Amino acid sequence: MTASAHEDADPILTPAQRRLAASRAALAEIFAPPDPEAFPRSETMRFLVGGKGRLVALGLFMGLLLVKPKLAAGLARFLPLGQVLPIARVLLKALR
C-alpha cells in the first residue's frame, strides 16, 4: 500500500471519539436554521402542535385547575373542548 492509500482510509475511532462525533452531530441538528417554508416556523409551536405538546398543555391546565380552580374554570370557556376531550379519555385509560 502506498502512503496515499493510508490517508484516504477512515481512521479508527475510539468510543469517546464516536460519542463526541454523535454529540456534535446532535448539536449541529439543534442549531441548524429551520426551513423557512416549514409550518409552523417556531420550534415551540411545532412541539405544542405535536402529540406530546397537547398532553403537556393538558397537564398544565390540570395543574392550574388544582391550584386556582376559579381561574381554570374561567379559561375553560375559551378552550375548544371537542379537541380536549379525546385527550382526556386517553389520559384516563392510561391511568387505569
PDB file of N, CA and C in Angstrom:
ATOM      1  N   MET A   1       0.850  -1.186   0.000  1.00  0.00           N
ATOM      2  CA  MET A   1       0.000   0.000   0.000  1.00  0.00           C
ATOM      3  C   MET A   1       0.889   1.241   0.000  1.00  0.00           C
ATOM      4  N   THR A   2       0.401   2.248  -0.634  1.00  0.00           N
ATOM      5  CA  THR A   2       1.155   3.497  -0.677  1.00  0.00           C
ATOM      6  C   THR A   2       0.716   4.383   0.473  1.00  0.00           C
ATOM      7  N   ALA A   3       1.432   5.462   0.652  1.00  0.00           N
ATOM      8  CA  ALA A   3       1.114   6.400   1.733  1.00  0.00           C
ATOM      9  C   ALA A   3      -0.227   7.074   1.495  1.00  0.00           C
ATOM     10  N   SER A   4      -0.598   7.307   0.228  1.00  0.00           N
ATOM     11  CA  SER A   4      -1.873   7.971  -0.068  1.00  0.00           C
ATOM     12  C   SER A   4      -3.066   7.068   0.254  1.00  0.00           C
ATOM     13  N   ALA A   5      -2.886   5.753   0.163  1.00  0.00           N
ATOM     14  CA  ALA A   5      -3.964   4.825   0.498  1.00  0.00           C
ATOM     15  C   ALA A   5      -4.267   4.868   1.980  1.00  0.00           C
ATOM     16  N   HIS A   6      -3.252   5.062   2.808  1.00  0.00           N
ATOM     17  CA  HIS A   6      -3.463   5.159   4.256  1.00  0.00           C
ATOM     18  C   HIS A   6      -4.159   6.470   4.628  1.00  0.00           C
ATOM     19  N   GLU A   7      -3.898   7.511   3.882  1.00  0.00           N
ATOM     20  CA  GLU A   7      -4.513   8.808   4.179  1.00  0.00           C
ATOM     21  C   GLU A   7      -5.992   8.803   3.812  1.00  0.00           C
ATOM     22  N   ASP A   8      -6.371   8.043   2.775  1.00  0.00           N
ATOM     23  CA  ASP A   8      -7.759   8.022   2.323  1.00  0.00           C
ATOM     24  C   ASP A   8      -8.642   7.145   3.201  1.00  0.00           C
ATOM     25  N   ALA A   9      -8.070   6.186   3.898  1.00  0.00           N
ATOM     26  CA  ALA A   9      -8.848   5.272   4.733  1.00  0.00           C
ATOM     27  C   ALA A   9      -9.400   6.013   5.943  1.00  0.00           C
ATOM     28  N   ASP A  10     -10.596   5.607   6.386  1.00  0.00           N
ATOM     29  CA  ASP A  10     -11.193   6.223   7.570  1.00  0.00           C
ATOM     30  C   ASP A  10     -10.389   5.825   8.801  1.00  0.00           C
ATOM     31  N   PRO A  11     -10.103   6.779   9.664  1.00  0.00           N
ATOM     32  CA  PRO A  11      -9.379   6.424  10.885  1.00  0.00           C
ATOM     33  C   PRO A  11     -10.281   5.625  11.824  1.00  0.00           C
ATOM     34  N   ILE A  12      -9.681   4.788  12.602  1.00  0.00           N
ATOM     35  CA  ILE A  12     -10.428   4.006  13.580  1.00  0.00           C
ATOM     36  C   ILE A  12     -10.703   4.914  14.775  1.00  0.00           C
ATOM     37  N   LEU A  13     -11.995   5.075  15.094  1.00  0.00           N
ATOM     38  CA  LEU A  13     -12.392   5.971  16.178  1.00  0.00           C
ATOM     39  C   LEU A  13     -12.543   5.197  17.479  1.00  0.00           C
ATOM     40  N   THR A  14     -12.137   5.836  18.552  1.00  0.00           N
ATOM     41  CA  THR A  14     -12.342   5.251  19.872  1.00  0.00           C
ATOM     42  C   THR A  14     -13.787   5.496  20.279  1.00  0.00           C
ATOM     43  N   PRO A  15     -14.264   4.785  21.296  1.00  0.00           N
ATOM     44  CA  PRO A  15     -15.639   5.046  21.750  1.00  0.00           C
ATOM     45  C   PRO A  15     -15.865   6.501  22.158  1.00  0.00           C
ATOM     46  N   ALA A  16     -14.888   7.123  22.778  1.00  0.00           N
ATOM     47  CA  ALA A  16     -15.038   8.524  23.186  1.00  0.00           C
ATOM     48  C   ALA A  16     -15.157   9.425  21.961  1.00  0.00           C
ATOM     49  N   GLN A  17     -14.379   9.140  20.913  1.00  0.00           N
ATOM     50  CA  GLN A  17     -14.459   9.950  19.705  1.00  0.00           C
ATOM     51  C   GLN A  17     -15.791   9.748  18.996  1.00  0.00           C
ATOM     52  N   ARG A  18     -16.342   8.536  19.046  1.00  0.00           N
ATOM     53  CA  ARG A  18     -17.650   8.290  18.449  1.00  0.00           C
ATOM     54  C   ARG A  18     -18.742   9.048  19.194  1.00  0.00           C
ATOM     55  N   ARG A  19     -18.672   9.043  20.533  1.00  0.00           N
ATOM     56  CA  ARG A  19     -19.660   9.807  21.321  1.00  0.00           C
ATOM     57  C   ARG A  19     -19.552  11.295  21.039  1.00  0.00           C
ATOM     58  N   LEU A  20     -18.308  11.787  20.921  1.00  0.00           N
ATOM     59  CA  LEU A  20     -18.090  13.198  20.622  1.00  0.00           C
ATOM     60  C   LEU A  20     -18.660  13.550  19.254  1.00  0.00           C
ATOM     61  N   ALA A  21     -18.442  12.694  18.270  1.00  0.00           N
ATOM     62  CA  ALA A  21     -18.979  12.946  16.927  1.00  0.00           C
ATOM     63  C   ALA A  21     -20.508  12.924  16.941  1.00  0.00           C
ATOM     64  N   ALA A  22     -21.094  12.001  17.717  1.00  0.00           N
ATOM     65  CA  ALA A  22     -22.554  11.936  17.807  1.00  0.00           C
ATOM     66  C   ALA A  22     -23.124  13.175  18.478  1.00  0.00           C
ATOM     67  N   SER A  23     -22.473  13.641  19.539  1.00  0.00           N
ATOM     68  CA  SER A  23     -22.979  14.837  20.227  1.00  0.00           C
ATOM     69  C   SER A  23     -22.805  16.073  19.358  1.00  0.00           C
ATOM     70  N   ARG A  24     -21.715  16.134  18.592  1.00  0.00           N
ATOM     71  CA  ARG A  24     -21.542  17.262  17.670  1.00  0.00           C
ATOM     72  C   ARG A  24     -22.607  17.255  16.582  1.00  0.00           C
ATOM     73  N   ALA A  25     -22.944  16.079  16.093  1.00  0.00           N
ATOM     74  CA  ALA A  25     -23.998  15.984  15.075  1.00  0.00           C
ATOM     75  C   ALA A  25     -25.348  16.398  15.655  1.00  0.00           C
ATOM     76  N   ALA A  26     -25.620  16.007  16.908  1.00  0.00           N
ATOM     77  CA  ALA A  26     -26.889  16.392  17.548  1.00  0.00           C
ATOM     78  C   ALA A  26     -26.953  17.904  17.750  1.00  0.00           C
ATOM     79  N   LEU A  27     -25.834  18.505  18.168  1.00  0.00           N
ATOM     80  CA  LEU A  27     -25.808  19.965  18.342  1.00  0.00           C
ATOM     81  C   LEU A  27     -25.960  20.682  17.005  1.00  0.00           C
ATOM     82  N   ALA A  28     -25.332  20.156  15.969  1.00  0.00           N
ATOM     83  CA  ALA A  28     -25.476  20.772  14.652  1.00  0.00           C
ATOM     84  C   ALA A  28     -26.930  20.711  14.185  1.00  0.00           C
ATOM     85  N   GLU A  29     -27.626  19.613  14.506  1.00  0.00           N
ATOM     86  CA  GLU A  29     -29.039  19.494  14.144  1.00  0.00           C
ATOM     87  C   GLU A  29     -29.894  20.478  14.929  1.00  0.00           C
ATOM     88  N   ILE A  30     -29.572  20.674  16.206  1.00  0.00           N
ATOM     89  CA  ILE A  30     -30.343  21.603  17.037  1.00  0.00           C
ATOM     90  C   ILE A  30     -30.159  23.038  16.567  1.00  0.00           C
ATOM     91  N   PHE A  31     -28.901  23.409  16.281  1.00  0.00           N
ATOM     92  CA  PHE A  31     -28.608  24.796  15.937  1.00  0.00           C
ATOM     93  C   PHE A  31     -28.740  25.102  14.453  1.00  0.00           C
ATOM     94  N   ALA A  32     -29.096  24.117  13.649  1.00  0.00           N
ATOM     95  CA  ALA A  32     -29.290  24.371  12.227  1.00  0.00           C
ATOM     96  C   ALA A  32     -30.518  25.255  12.055  1.00  0.00           C
ATOM     97  N   PRO A  33     -30.441  26.226  11.160  1.00  0.00           N
ATOM     98  CA  PRO A  33     -31.612  27.091  10.966  1.00  0.00           C
ATOM     99  C   PRO A  33     -32.774  26.282  10.397  1.00  0.00           C
ATOM    100  N   PRO A  34     -33.989  26.549  10.879  1.00  0.00           N
ATOM    101  CA  PRO A  34     -35.151  25.802  10.381  1.00  0.00           C
ATOM    102  C   PRO A  34     -35.453  26.164   8.929  1.00  0.00           C
ATOM    103  N   ASP A  35     -36.130  25.281   8.276  1.00  0.00           N
ATOM    104  CA  ASP A  35     -36.542  25.515   6.896  1.00  0.00           C
ATOM    105  C   ASP A  35     -37.540  26.669   6.876  1.00  0.00           C
ATOM    106  N   PRO A  36     -37.281  27.724   6.097  1.00  0.00           N
ATOM    107  CA  PRO A  36     -38.200  28.879   6.105  1.00  0.00           C
ATOM    108  C   PRO A  36     -39.589  28.545   5.563  1.00  0.00           C
ATOM    109  N   GLU A  37     -39.707  27.463   4.807  1.00  0.00           N
ATOM    110  CA  GLU A  37     -41.003  27.082   4.251  1.00  0.00           C
ATOM    111  C   GLU A  37     -41.797  26.185   5.190  1.00  0.00           C
ATOM    112  N   ALA A  38     -41.153  25.710   6.262  1.00  0.00           N
ATOM    113  CA  ALA A  38     -41.825  24.796   7.188  1.00  0.00           C
ATOM    114  C   ALA A  38     -42.867  25.552   8.004  1.00  0.00           C
ATOM    115  N   PHE A  39     -43.963  24.869   8.317  1.00  0.00           N
ATOM    116  CA  PHE A  39     -45.009  25.480   9.141  1.00  0.00           C
ATOM    117  C   PHE A  39     -45.340  24.549  10.281  1.00  0.00           C
ATOM    118  N   PRO A  40     -45.497  24.995  11.484  1.00  0.00           N
ATOM    119  CA  PRO A  40     -45.195  26.330  11.971  1.00  0.00           C
ATOM    120  C   PRO A  40     -43.692  26.537  12.064  1.00  0.00           C
ATOM    121  N   ARG A  41     -43.273  27.770  11.989  1.00  0.00           N
ATOM    122  CA  ARG A  41     -41.845  28.075  11.963  1.00  0.00           C
ATOM    123  C   ARG A  41     -41.200  27.943  13.328  1.00  0.00           C
ATOM    124  N   SER A  42     -41.901  28.257  14.372  1.00  0.00           N
ATOM    125  CA  SER A  42     -41.346  28.223  15.721  1.00  0.00           C
ATOM    126  C   SER A  42     -41.222  26.780  16.214  1.00  0.00           C
ATOM    127  N   GLU A  43     -40.079  26.462  16.806  1.00  0.00           N
ATOM    128  CA  GLU A  43     -39.877  25.123  17.366  1.00  0.00           C
ATOM    129  C   GLU A  43     -40.850  24.881  18.515  1.00  0.00           C
ATOM    130  N   THR A  44     -41.154  25.923  19.274  1.00  0.00           N
ATOM    131  CA  THR A  44     -42.102  25.790  20.384  1.00  0.00           C
ATOM    132  C   THR A  44     -43.479  25.428  19.859  1.00  0.00           C
ATOM    133  N   MET A  45     -43.913  26.093  18.801  1.00  0.00           N
ATOM    134  CA  MET A  45     -45.223  25.789  18.239  1.00  0.00           C
ATOM    135  C   MET A  45     -45.241  24.403  17.615  1.00  0.00           C
ATOM    136  N   ARG A  46     -44.130  23.973  17.019  1.00  0.00           N
ATOM    137  CA  ARG A  46     -44.071  22.618  16.472  1.00  0.00           C
ATOM    138  C   ARG A  46     -44.247  21.592  17.577  1.00  0.00           C
ATOM    139  N   PHE A  47     -43.635  21.864  18.734  1.00  0.00           N
ATOM    140  CA  PHE A  47     -43.768  20.946  19.862  1.00  0.00           C
ATOM    141  C   PHE A  47     -45.205  20.925  20.370  1.00  0.00           C
ATOM    142  N   LEU A  48     -45.801  22.109  20.528  1.00  0.00           N
ATOM    143  CA  LEU A  48     -47.151  22.187  21.073  1.00  0.00           C
ATOM    144  C   LEU A  48     -48.197  21.620  20.118  1.00  0.00           C
ATOM    145  N   VAL A  49     -47.969  21.726  18.821  1.00  0.00           N
ATOM    146  CA  VAL A  49     -48.911  21.188  17.853  1.00  0.00           C
ATOM    147  C   VAL A  49     -48.785  19.669  17.773  1.00  0.00           C
ATOM    148  N   GLY A  50     -47.608  19.149  18.099  1.00  0.00           N
ATOM    149  CA  GLY A  50     -47.390  17.703  18.057  1.00  0.00           C
ATOM    150  C   GLY A  50     -48.183  16.985  19.132  1.00  0.00           C
ATOM    151  N   GLY A  51     -48.157  15.668  19.100  1.00  0.00           N
ATOM    152  CA  GLY A  51     -48.951  14.856  20.021  1.00  0.00           C
ATOM    153  C   GLY A  51     -48.604  15.066  21.480  1.00  0.00           C
ATOM    154  N   LYS A  52     -47.321  15.099  21.812  1.00  0.00           N
ATOM    155  CA  LYS A  52     -46.938  15.255  23.214  1.00  0.00           C
ATOM    156  C   LYS A  52     -47.184  16.671  23.712  1.00  0.00           C
ATOM    157  N   GLY A  53     -47.168  17.625  22.813  1.00  0.00           N
ATOM    158  CA  GLY A  53     -47.414  19.011  23.206  1.00  0.00           C
ATOM    159  C   GLY A  53     -48.816  19.202  23.750  1.00  0.00           C
ATOM    160  N   ARG A  54     -49.772  18.491  23.166  1.00  0.00           N
ATOM    161  CA  ARG A  54     -51.148  18.591  23.659  1.00  0.00           C
ATOM    162  C   ARG A  54     -51.254  18.010  25.063  1.00  0.00           C
ATOM    163  N   LEU A  55     -50.542  16.930  25.309  1.00  0.00           N
ATOM    164  CA  LEU A  55     -50.564  16.343  26.649  1.00  0.00           C
ATOM    165  C   LEU A  55     -49.912  17.270  27.662  1.00  0.00           C
ATOM    166  N   VAL A  56     -48.852  17.966  27.253  1.00  0.00           N
ATOM    167  CA  VAL A  56     -48.202  18.928  28.143  1.00  0.00           C
ATOM    168  C   VAL A  56     -49.158  20.069  28.456  1.00  0.00           C
ATOM    169  N   ALA A  57     -49.842  20.577  27.434  1.00  0.00           N
ATOM    170  CA  ALA A  57     -50.803  21.665  27.643  1.00  0.00           C
ATOM    171  C   ALA A  57     -51.930  21.220  28.568  1.00  0.00           C
ATOM    172  N   LEU A  58     -52.401  19.992  28.393  1.00  0.00           N
ATOM    173  CA  LEU A  58     -53.453  19.481  29.261  1.00  0.00           C
ATOM    174  C   LEU A  58     -52.941  19.323  30.693  1.00  0.00           C
ATOM    175  N   GLY A  59     -51.708  18.887  30.837  1.00  0.00           N
ATOM    176  CA  GLY A  59     -51.113  18.773  32.173  1.00  0.00           C
ATOM    177  C   GLY A  59     -50.988  20.127  32.852  1.00  0.00           C
ATOM    178  N   LEU A  60     -50.595  21.134  32.083  1.00  0.00           N
ATOM    179  CA  LEU A  60     -50.514  22.484  32.645  1.00  0.00           C
ATOM    180  C   LEU A  60     -51.892  22.980  33.078  1.00  0.00           C
ATOM    181  N   PHE A  61     -52.893  22.689  32.260  1.00  0.00           N
ATOM    182  CA  PHE A  61     -54.247  23.096  32.619  1.00  0.00           C
ATOM    183  C   PHE A  61     -54.724  22.373  33.885  1.00  0.00           C
ATOM    184  N   MET A  62     -54.405  21.078  33.997  1.00  0.00           N
ATOM    185  CA  MET A  62     -54.805  20.327  35.196  1.00  0.00           C
ATOM    186  C   MET A  62     -54.094  20.872  36.437  1.00  0.00           C
ATOM    187  N   GLY A  63     -52.840  21.251  36.286  1.00  0.00           N
ATOM    188  CA  GLY A  63     -52.122  21.864  37.401  1.00  0.00           C
ATOM    189  C   GLY A  63     -52.754  23.179  37.813  1.00  0.00           C
ATOM    190  N   LEU A  64     -53.151  23.972  36.822  1.00  0.00           N
ATOM    191  CA  LEU A  64     -53.838  25.230  37.114  1.00  0.00           C
ATOM    192  C   LEU A  64     -55.184  24.966  37.770  1.00  0.00           C
ATOM    193  N   LEU A  65     -55.850  23.911  37.345  1.00  0.00           N
ATOM    194  CA  LEU A  65     -57.133  23.537  37.940  1.00  0.00           C
ATOM    195  C   LEU A  65     -56.966  23.182  39.414  1.00  0.00           C
ATOM    196  N   LEU A  66     -55.873  22.531  39.763  1.00  0.00           N
ATOM    197  CA  LEU A  66     -55.624  22.178  41.161  1.00  0.00           C
ATOM    198  C   LEU A  66     -55.261  23.390  42.005  1.00  0.00           C
ATOM    199  N   VAL A  67     -54.487  24.326  41.431  1.00  0.00           N
ATOM    200  CA  VAL A  67     -54.009  25.476  42.201  1.00  0.00           C
ATOM    201  C   VAL A  67     -55.042  26.598  42.252  1.00  0.00           C
ATOM    202  N   LYS A  68     -55.607  26.950  41.103  1.00  0.00           N
ATOM    203  CA  LYS A  68     -56.590  28.043  41.040  1.00  0.00           C
ATOM    204  C   LYS A  68     -57.794  27.579  40.234  1.00  0.00           C
ATOM    205  N   PRO A  69     -58.722  26.889  40.890  1.00  0.00           N
ATOM    206  CA  PRO A  69     -59.856  26.313  40.153  1.00  0.00           C
ATOM    207  C   PRO A  69     -60.760  27.356  39.484  1.00  0.00           C
ATOM    208  N   LYS A  70     -60.961  28.500  40.104  1.00  0.00           N
ATOM    209  CA  LYS A  70     -61.841  29.513  39.504  1.00  0.00           C
ATOM    210  C   LYS A  70     -61.236  30.063  38.212  1.00  0.00           C
ATOM    211  N   LEU A  71     -59.930  30.306  38.231  1.00  0.00           N
ATOM    212  CA  LEU A  71     -59.266  30.807  37.027  1.00  0.00           C
ATOM    213  C   LEU A  71     -59.298  29.754  35.922  1.00  0.00           C
ATOM    214  N   ALA A  72     -59.054  28.505  36.284  1.00  0.00           N
ATOM    215  CA  ALA A  72     -59.078  27.425  35.292  1.00  0.00           C
ATOM    216  C   ALA A  72     -60.474  27.263  34.703  1.00  0.00           C
ATOM    217  N   ALA A  73     -61.516  27.374  35.534  1.00  0.00           N
ATOM    218  CA  ALA A  73     -62.886  27.260  35.032  1.00  0.00           C
ATOM    219  C   ALA A  73     -63.207  28.422  34.092  1.00  0.00           C
ATOM    220  N   GLY A  74     -62.708  29.590  34.408  1.00  0.00           N
ATOM    221  CA  GLY A  74     -62.921  30.739  33.527  1.00  0.00           C
ATOM    222  C   GLY A  74     -62.209  30.565  32.194  1.00  0.00           C
ATOM    223  N   LEU A  75     -60.994  30.016  32.224  1.00  0.00           N
ATOM    224  CA  LEU A  75     -60.248  29.795  30.987  1.00  0.00           C
ATOM    225  C   LEU A  75     -60.822  28.648  30.172  1.00  0.00           C
ATOM    226  N   ALA A  76     -61.494  27.715  30.827  1.00  0.00           N
ATOM    227  CA  ALA A  76     -62.062  26.557  30.126  1.00  0.00           C
ATOM    228  C   ALA A  76     -63.131  26.978  29.127  1.00  0.00           C
ATOM    229  N   ARG A  77     -63.737  28.122  29.357  1.00  0.00           N
ATOM    230  CA  ARG A  77     -64.753  28.599  28.423  1.00  0.00           C
ATOM    231  C   ARG A  77     -64.157  28.910  27.053  1.00  0.00           C
ATOM    232  N   PHE A  78     -62.860  29.218  27.022  1.00  0.00           N
ATOM    233  CA  PHE A  78     -62.216  29.584  25.768  1.00  0.00           C
ATOM    234  C   PHE A  78     -61.562  28.396  25.067  1.00  0.00           C
ATOM    235  N   LEU A  79     -61.572  27.228  25.696  1.00  0.00           N
ATOM    236  CA  LEU A  79     -60.934  26.044  25.108  1.00  0.00           C
ATOM    237  C   LEU A  79     -61.874  25.345  24.143  1.00  0.00           C
ATOM    238  N   PRO A  80     -61.329  24.838  23.051  1.00  0.00           N
ATOM    239  CA  PRO A  80     -62.144  24.011  22.159  1.00  0.00           C
ATOM    240  C   PRO A  80     -62.270  22.616  22.771  1.00  0.00           C
ATOM    241  N   LEU A  81     -63.319  22.404  23.543  1.00  0.00           N
ATOM    242  CA  LEU A  81     -63.437  21.172  24.322  1.00  0.00           C
ATOM    243  C   LEU A  81     -63.570  19.935  23.444  1.00  0.00           C
ATOM    244  N   GLY A  82     -63.998  20.093  22.215  1.00  0.00           N
ATOM    245  CA  GLY A  82     -64.072  18.955  21.315  1.00  0.00           C
ATOM    246  C   GLY A  82     -62.708  18.340  21.047  1.00  0.00           C
ATOM    247  N   GLN A  83     -61.655  19.148  21.101  1.00  0.00           N
ATOM    248  CA  GLN A  83     -60.303  18.643  20.887  1.00  0.00           C
ATOM    249  C   GLN A  83     -59.675  18.161  22.190  1.00  0.00           C
ATOM    250  N   VAL A  84     -60.135  18.658  23.314  1.00  0.00           N
ATOM    251  CA  VAL A  84     -59.544  18.306  24.606  1.00  0.00           C
ATOM    252  C   VAL A  84     -60.109  16.991  25.145  1.00  0.00           C
ATOM    253  N   LEU A  85     -61.374  16.716  24.895  1.00  0.00           N
ATOM    254  CA  LEU A  85     -61.996  15.525  25.459  1.00  0.00           C
ATOM    255  C   LEU A  85     -61.354  14.213  25.000  1.00  0.00           C
ATOM    256  N   PRO A  86     -60.978  14.040  23.723  1.00  0.00           N
ATOM    257  CA  PRO A  86     -60.298  12.789  23.362  1.00  0.00           C
ATOM    258  C   PRO A  86     -58.977  12.605  24.099  1.00  0.00           C
ATOM    259  N   ILE A  87     -58.281  13.685  24.350  1.00  0.00           N
ATOM    260  CA  ILE A  87     -57.016  13.595  25.090  1.00  0.00           C
ATOM    261  C   ILE A  87     -57.294  13.189  26.531  1.00  0.00           C
ATOM    262  N   ALA A  88     -58.346  13.728  27.114  1.00  0.00           N
ATOM    263  CA  ALA A  88     -58.705  13.354  28.479  1.00  0.00           C
ATOM    264  C   ALA A  88     -59.052  11.870  28.558  1.00  0.00           C
ATOM    265  N   ARG A  89     -59.726  11.354  27.536  1.00  0.00           N
ATOM    266  CA  ARG A  89     -60.042   9.925  27.518  1.00  0.00           C
ATOM    267  C   ARG A  89     -58.774   9.083  27.471  1.00  0.00           C
ATOM    268  N   VAL A  90     -57.804   9.506  26.680  1.00  0.00           N
ATOM    269  CA  VAL A  90     -56.533   8.773  26.581  1.00  0.00           C
ATOM    270  C   VAL A  90     -55.821   8.794  27.930  1.00  0.00           C
ATOM    271  N   LEU A  91     -55.837   9.937  28.595  1.00  0.00           N
ATOM    272  CA  LEU A  91     -55.195  10.031  29.910  1.00  0.00           C
ATOM    273  C   LEU A  91     -55.872   9.126  30.924  1.00  0.00           C
ATOM    274  N   LEU A  92     -57.199   9.093  30.900  1.00  0.00           N
ATOM    275  CA  LEU A  92     -57.919   8.252  31.829  1.00  0.00           C
ATOM    276  C   LEU A  92     -57.640   6.766  31.580  1.00  0.00           C
ATOM    277  N   LYS A  93     -57.543   6.371  30.313  1.00  0.00           N
ATOM    278  CA  LYS A  93     -57.207   4.987  30.003  1.00  0.00           C
ATOM    279  C   LYS A  93     -55.799   4.647  30.463  1.00  0.00           C
ATOM    280  N   ALA A  94     -54.884   5.605  30.362  1.00  0.00           N
ATOM    281  CA  ALA A  94     -53.503   5.363  30.770  1.00  0.00           C
ATOM    282  C   ALA A  94     -53.408   5.209  32.295  1.00  0.00           C
ATOM    283  N   LEU A  95     -54.294   5.867  33.015  1.00  0.00           N
ATOM    284  CA  LEU A  95     -54.254   5.799  34.484  1.00  0.00           C
ATOM    285  C   LEU A  95     -54.834   4.499  35.017  1.00  0.00           C
ATOM    286  N   ARG A  96     -55.637   3.811  34.226  1.00  0.00           N
ATOM    287  CA  ARG A  96     -56.285   2.585  34.696  1.00  0.00           C
ATOM    288  C   ARG A  96     -55.331   1.447  34.807  1.00  0.00           C
TER     289      ARG A  96
END
